Amino acid sequence: MNPYIISASRREDIPAFRSKWFLERLQEGKFSIQGFYQNYEVNLDKLKLIVFWTKNPQPLIEHLDEIPYDYYFQFTLNHYPEYELNVPELNKRIQTFKDLSNELLLH
């Protein structure tokens, strides 16, 4: 089996809304995923990298030390308040970007 990458958050912003769930799955060493057409299980024994797609990584920042895999963030800072009702204000997201950047420099 080849190493693989988990693209976390394409359908849901996991760092913003499901950080605790994600960390629990990492501890278990597997994910059970409900797909559109089938359910499947992902074992983490060959995991190479996690890509987090988010507009709010703040809930995950304090838990980065709990992630035993390589990872990086795709952090979107665009501003569409009329469409994105559950996204922090832009100035808060900019501060979160700075906080995340500083935290990643420490790792």
N, C-alpha and C. Protein backbone atom coordinates (compact mmCIF):
# COMPACT_ATOMS: atom_id res chain seq x y z
N MET A 1 0.84 -1.19 0.00
CA MET A 1 0.00 0.00 0.00
C MET A 1 0.88 1.24 0.00
N ASN A 2 0.62 2.17 -0.90
CA ASN A 2 1.38 3.40 -0.99
C ASN A 2 0.95 4.39 0.09
N PRO A 3 1.85 5.27 0.49
CA PRO A 3 1.46 6.33 1.44
C PRO A 3 0.38 7.22 0.80
N TYR A 4 -0.42 7.85 1.62
CA TYR A 4 -1.48 8.69 1.09
C TYR A 4 -1.63 9.97 1.88
N ILE A 5 -2.43 10.87 1.33
CA ILE A 5 -2.69 12.19 1.91
C ILE A 5 -4.18 12.28 2.23
N ILE A 6 -4.49 12.81 3.41
CA ILE A 6 -5.88 13.12 3.74
C ILE A 6 -6.11 14.59 3.45
N SER A 7 -7.09 14.86 2.62
CA SER A 7 -7.51 16.23 2.34
C SER A 7 -8.70 16.51 3.24
N ALA A 8 -8.43 17.08 4.39
CA ALA A 8 -9.46 17.28 5.42
C ALA A 8 -10.17 18.61 5.19
N SER A 9 -11.46 18.53 4.95
CA SER A 9 -12.29 19.73 4.96
C SER A 9 -12.84 20.16 3.62
N ARG A 10 -12.75 19.39 2.60
CA ARG A 10 -13.31 19.84 1.33
C ARG A 10 -14.83 20.00 1.42
N ARG A 11 -15.50 19.15 2.19
CA ARG A 11 -16.96 19.26 2.33
C ARG A 11 -17.38 20.01 3.58
N GLU A 12 -16.52 19.99 4.58
CA GLU A 12 -16.85 20.61 5.86
C GLU A 12 -15.56 21.17 6.45
N ASP A 13 -15.64 22.30 7.09
CA ASP A 13 -14.46 22.93 7.68
C ASP A 13 -14.14 22.22 9.00
N ILE A 14 -13.32 21.17 8.92
CA ILE A 14 -13.01 20.35 10.08
C ILE A 14 -12.30 21.13 11.18
N PRO A 15 -11.26 21.93 10.87
CA PRO A 15 -10.63 22.69 11.96
C PRO A 15 -11.61 23.62 12.68
N ALA A 16 -12.52 24.23 11.95
CA ALA A 16 -13.46 25.17 12.56
C ALA A 16 -14.56 24.49 13.36
N PHE A 17 -15.08 23.37 12.85
CA PHE A 17 -16.28 22.80 13.44
C PHE A 17 -16.15 21.39 14.01
N ARG A 18 -15.08 20.66 13.65
CA ARG A 18 -14.99 19.26 14.08
C ARG A 18 -13.58 18.87 14.54
N SER A 19 -12.88 19.81 15.13
CA SER A 19 -11.51 19.54 15.59
C SER A 19 -11.47 18.39 16.59
N LYS A 20 -12.35 18.41 17.57
CA LYS A 20 -12.35 17.36 18.58
C LYS A 20 -12.59 15.99 17.94
N TRP A 21 -13.56 15.89 17.06
CA TRP A 21 -13.85 14.65 16.35
C TRP A 21 -12.62 14.18 15.58
N PHE A 22 -11.96 15.08 14.87
CA PHE A 22 -10.81 14.72 14.07
C PHE A 22 -9.68 14.20 14.95
N LEU A 23 -9.40 14.88 16.05
CA LEU A 23 -8.34 14.43 16.96
C LEU A 23 -8.66 13.06 17.56
N GLU A 24 -9.91 12.80 17.86
CA GLU A 24 -10.31 11.47 18.37
C GLU A 24 -10.06 10.39 17.32
N ARG A 25 -10.35 10.68 16.06
CA ARG A 25 -10.10 9.71 15.00
C ARG A 25 -8.59 9.45 14.84
N LEU A 26 -7.78 10.48 14.99
CA LEU A 26 -6.33 10.28 14.93
C LEU A 26 -5.87 9.36 16.05
N GLN A 27 -6.42 9.53 17.24
CA GLN A 27 -6.06 8.66 18.37
C GLN A 27 -6.49 7.22 18.10
N GLU A 28 -7.63 7.04 17.47
CA GLU A 28 -8.12 5.69 17.15
C GLU A 28 -7.31 5.06 16.02
N GLY A 29 -6.68 5.87 15.21
CA GLY A 29 -5.90 5.35 14.10
C GLY A 29 -6.69 5.02 12.86
N LYS A 30 -7.95 5.48 12.79
CA LYS A 30 -8.76 5.22 11.61
C LYS A 30 -9.95 6.18 11.56
N PHE A 31 -10.47 6.31 10.36
CA PHE A 31 -11.66 7.11 10.12
C PHE A 31 -12.69 6.24 9.43
N SER A 32 -13.94 6.37 9.83
CA SER A 32 -15.05 5.78 9.09
C SER A 32 -15.75 6.94 8.39
N ILE A 33 -15.78 6.89 7.09
CA ILE A 33 -16.27 8.00 6.29
C ILE A 33 -17.53 7.57 5.56
N GLN A 34 -18.55 8.42 5.61
CA GLN A 34 -19.76 8.16 4.83
C GLN A 34 -19.63 8.93 3.53
N GLY A 35 -19.46 8.20 2.45
CA GLY A 35 -19.36 8.82 1.14
C GLY A 35 -20.73 9.01 0.53
N PHE A 36 -20.76 9.55 -0.67
CA PHE A 36 -22.03 9.76 -1.35
C PHE A 36 -22.68 8.43 -1.75
N TYR A 37 -21.84 7.47 -2.16
CA TYR A 37 -22.37 6.21 -2.66
C TYR A 37 -22.05 5.01 -1.79
N GLN A 38 -21.06 5.16 -0.90
CA GLN A 38 -20.68 4.05 -0.05
C GLN A 38 -19.98 4.57 1.20
N ASN A 39 -19.92 3.72 2.20
CA ASN A 39 -19.16 4.02 3.40
C ASN A 39 -17.83 3.30 3.31
N TYR A 40 -16.80 3.89 3.85
CA TYR A 40 -15.51 3.25 3.81
C TYR A 40 -14.69 3.64 5.04
N GLU A 41 -13.68 2.84 5.32
CA GLU A 41 -12.81 3.07 6.47
C GLU A 41 -11.41 3.39 5.98
N VAL A 42 -10.80 4.38 6.60
CA VAL A 42 -9.44 4.79 6.26
C VAL A 42 -8.57 4.51 7.47
N ASN A 43 -7.62 3.58 7.32
CA ASN A 43 -6.64 3.32 8.37
C ASN A 43 -5.46 4.26 8.18
N LEU A 44 -4.89 4.71 9.27
CA LEU A 44 -3.85 5.73 9.20
C LEU A 44 -2.43 5.16 9.22
N ASP A 45 -2.29 3.86 9.03
CA ASP A 45 -0.97 3.26 9.12
C ASP A 45 -0.02 3.70 8.02
N LYS A 46 -0.52 4.17 6.89
CA LYS A 46 0.32 4.64 5.78
C LYS A 46 0.12 6.12 5.48
N LEU A 47 -0.46 6.86 6.43
CA LEU A 47 -0.72 8.28 6.21
C LEU A 47 0.58 9.06 6.11
N LYS A 48 0.71 9.87 5.10
CA LYS A 48 1.89 10.69 4.87
C LYS A 48 1.67 12.14 5.27
N LEU A 49 0.49 12.68 4.99
CA LEU A 49 0.26 14.12 5.13
C LEU A 49 -1.22 14.40 5.30
N ILE A 50 -1.53 15.46 6.06
CA ILE A 50 -2.91 15.95 6.19
C ILE A 50 -2.93 17.38 5.68
N VAL A 51 -3.90 17.68 4.83
CA VAL A 51 -4.11 19.04 4.34
C VAL A 51 -5.41 19.54 4.95
N PHE A 52 -5.33 20.60 5.72
CA PHE A 52 -6.52 21.21 6.31
C PHE A 52 -6.96 22.39 5.45
N TRP A 53 -8.21 22.37 5.01
CA TRP A 53 -8.81 23.48 4.27
C TRP A 53 -9.75 24.19 5.24
N THR A 54 -9.51 25.46 5.50
CA THR A 54 -10.29 26.12 6.54
C THR A 54 -10.39 27.62 6.34
N LYS A 55 -11.39 28.18 6.96
CA LYS A 55 -11.51 29.63 7.10
C LYS A 55 -11.37 30.03 8.56
N ASN A 56 -11.23 29.01 9.43
CA ASN A 56 -11.06 29.30 10.85
C ASN A 56 -10.33 28.15 11.55
N PRO A 57 -9.00 28.16 11.55
CA PRO A 57 -8.26 27.10 12.22
C PRO A 57 -8.14 27.30 13.73
N GLN A 58 -8.68 28.38 14.26
CA GLN A 58 -8.50 28.72 15.68
C GLN A 58 -8.78 27.56 16.63
N PRO A 59 -9.88 26.81 16.49
CA PRO A 59 -10.14 25.71 17.43
C PRO A 59 -9.08 24.61 17.42
N LEU A 60 -8.31 24.50 16.34
CA LEU A 60 -7.32 23.44 16.23
C LEU A 60 -5.92 23.89 16.66
N ILE A 61 -5.68 25.18 16.70
CA ILE A 61 -4.33 25.70 16.96
C ILE A 61 -3.75 25.17 18.26
N GLU A 62 -4.52 25.17 19.32
CA GLU A 62 -3.99 24.72 20.62
C GLU A 62 -3.75 23.21 20.68
N HIS A 63 -4.18 22.49 19.66
CA HIS A 63 -4.04 21.03 19.64
C HIS A 63 -3.04 20.53 18.60
N LEU A 64 -2.29 21.40 17.99
CA LEU A 64 -1.38 20.99 16.92
C LEU A 64 -0.36 19.96 17.40
N ASP A 65 0.04 20.04 18.65
CA ASP A 65 1.00 19.06 19.19
C ASP A 65 0.42 17.65 19.26
N GLU A 66 -0.90 17.52 19.17
CA GLU A 66 -1.55 16.23 19.24
C GLU A 66 -1.63 15.53 17.88
N ILE A 67 -1.17 16.20 16.84
CA ILE A 67 -1.24 15.63 15.49
C ILE A 67 0.11 14.99 15.18
N PRO A 68 0.18 13.66 15.14
CA PRO A 68 1.45 12.97 14.97
C PRO A 68 1.87 12.78 13.51
N TYR A 69 1.29 13.55 12.61
CA TYR A 69 1.58 13.44 11.18
C TYR A 69 2.00 14.81 10.65
N ASP A 70 2.64 14.81 9.50
CA ASP A 70 2.91 16.08 8.83
C ASP A 70 1.59 16.66 8.35
N TYR A 71 1.49 17.97 8.33
CA TYR A 71 0.26 18.64 7.90
C TYR A 71 0.59 20.03 7.40
N TYR A 72 -0.33 20.58 6.67
CA TYR A 72 -0.28 22.00 6.35
C TYR A 72 -1.69 22.53 6.19
N PHE A 73 -1.81 23.86 6.15
CA PHE A 73 -3.11 24.52 6.10
C PHE A 73 -3.28 25.29 4.80
N GLN A 74 -4.46 25.17 4.22
CA GLN A 74 -4.94 26.07 3.19
C GLN A 74 -5.95 26.96 3.91
N PHE A 75 -5.53 28.16 4.24
CA PHE A 75 -6.33 29.07 5.06
C PHE A 75 -6.84 30.20 4.18
N THR A 76 -8.14 30.24 3.98
CA THR A 76 -8.75 31.23 3.10
C THR A 76 -9.18 32.46 3.90
N LEU A 77 -8.76 33.63 3.42
CA LEU A 77 -9.09 34.88 4.11
C LEU A 77 -10.06 35.76 3.32
N ASN A 78 -10.66 35.26 2.25
CA ASN A 78 -11.58 36.12 1.51
C ASN A 78 -12.76 36.52 2.41
N HIS A 79 -13.51 37.50 1.96
CA HIS A 79 -14.53 38.10 2.82
C HIS A 79 -15.87 38.19 2.08
N TYR A 80 -16.77 37.25 2.41
CA TYR A 80 -18.12 37.23 1.84
C TYR A 80 -19.15 37.08 2.96
N PRO A 81 -19.30 38.09 3.81
CA PRO A 81 -20.19 37.94 4.98
C PRO A 81 -21.65 37.68 4.62
N GLU A 82 -22.08 38.08 3.45
CA GLU A 82 -23.47 37.85 3.07
C GLU A 82 -23.74 36.38 2.75
N TYR A 83 -22.69 35.61 2.47
CA TYR A 83 -22.83 34.19 2.14
C TYR A 83 -22.32 33.27 3.23
N GLU A 84 -21.31 33.69 3.94
CA GLU A 84 -20.65 32.84 4.94
C GLU A 84 -20.99 33.35 6.35
N LEU A 85 -22.07 32.81 6.87
CA LEU A 85 -22.62 33.32 8.12
C LEU A 85 -21.90 32.81 9.35
N ASN A 86 -21.19 31.69 9.26
CA ASN A 86 -20.53 31.11 10.43
C ASN A 86 -19.02 31.29 10.40
N VAL A 87 -18.57 32.35 9.77
CA VAL A 87 -17.15 32.64 9.67
C VAL A 87 -16.86 33.86 10.54
N PRO A 88 -15.78 33.82 11.35
CA PRO A 88 -15.45 34.99 12.16
C PRO A 88 -15.21 36.23 11.30
N GLU A 89 -15.32 37.37 11.90
CA GLU A 89 -15.05 38.63 11.21
C GLU A 89 -13.65 38.61 10.61
N LEU A 90 -13.47 39.35 9.54
CA LEU A 90 -12.20 39.33 8.81
C LEU A 90 -11.03 39.71 9.71
N ASN A 91 -11.18 40.72 10.55
CA ASN A 91 -10.05 41.13 11.41
C ASN A 91 -9.67 40.02 12.39
N LYS A 92 -10.64 39.24 12.86
CA LYS A 92 -10.33 38.10 13.73
C LYS A 92 -9.62 36.99 12.96
N ARG A 93 -10.02 36.77 11.71
CA ARG A 93 -9.37 35.75 10.89
C ARG A 93 -7.93 36.14 10.55
N ILE A 94 -7.72 37.42 10.34
CA ILE A 94 -6.35 37.88 10.09
C ILE A 94 -5.48 37.64 11.32
N GLN A 95 -6.01 37.93 12.49
CA GLN A 95 -5.26 37.66 13.73
C GLN A 95 -5.02 36.16 13.90
N THR A 96 -6.02 35.35 13.58
CA THR A 96 -5.85 33.90 13.66
C THR A 96 -4.77 33.44 12.69
N PHE A 97 -4.72 34.03 11.51
CA PHE A 97 -3.67 33.69 10.55
C PHE A 97 -2.29 33.97 11.15
N LYS A 98 -2.16 35.10 11.82
CA LYS A 98 -0.89 35.44 12.47
C LYS A 98 -0.59 34.46 13.60
N ASP A 99 -1.60 34.12 14.39
CA ASP A 99 -1.41 33.16 15.48
C ASP A 99 -0.98 31.80 14.95
N LEU A 100 -1.64 31.34 13.91
CA LEU A 100 -1.29 30.05 13.31
C LEU A 100 0.14 30.09 12.75
N SER A 101 0.48 31.14 12.07
CA SER A 101 1.82 31.28 11.52
C SER A 101 2.87 31.22 12.61
N ASN A 102 2.63 31.94 13.68
CA ASN A 102 3.58 31.91 14.81
C ASN A 102 3.68 30.53 15.43
N GLU A 103 2.56 29.85 15.57
CA GLU A 103 2.55 28.52 16.16
C GLU A 103 3.31 27.53 15.26
N LEU A 104 3.10 27.63 13.97
CA LEU A 104 3.78 26.73 13.04
C LEU A 104 5.29 26.97 13.02
N LEU A 105 5.71 28.19 13.24
CA LEU A 105 7.14 28.48 13.31
C LEU A 105 7.79 27.78 14.50
N LEU A 106 7.02 27.53 15.56
CA LEU A 106 7.54 26.89 16.76
C LEU A 106 7.67 25.38 16.59
N HIS A 107 6.97 24.81 15.61
CA HIS A 107 6.99 23.36 15.42
C HIS A 107 8.16 22.95 14.58
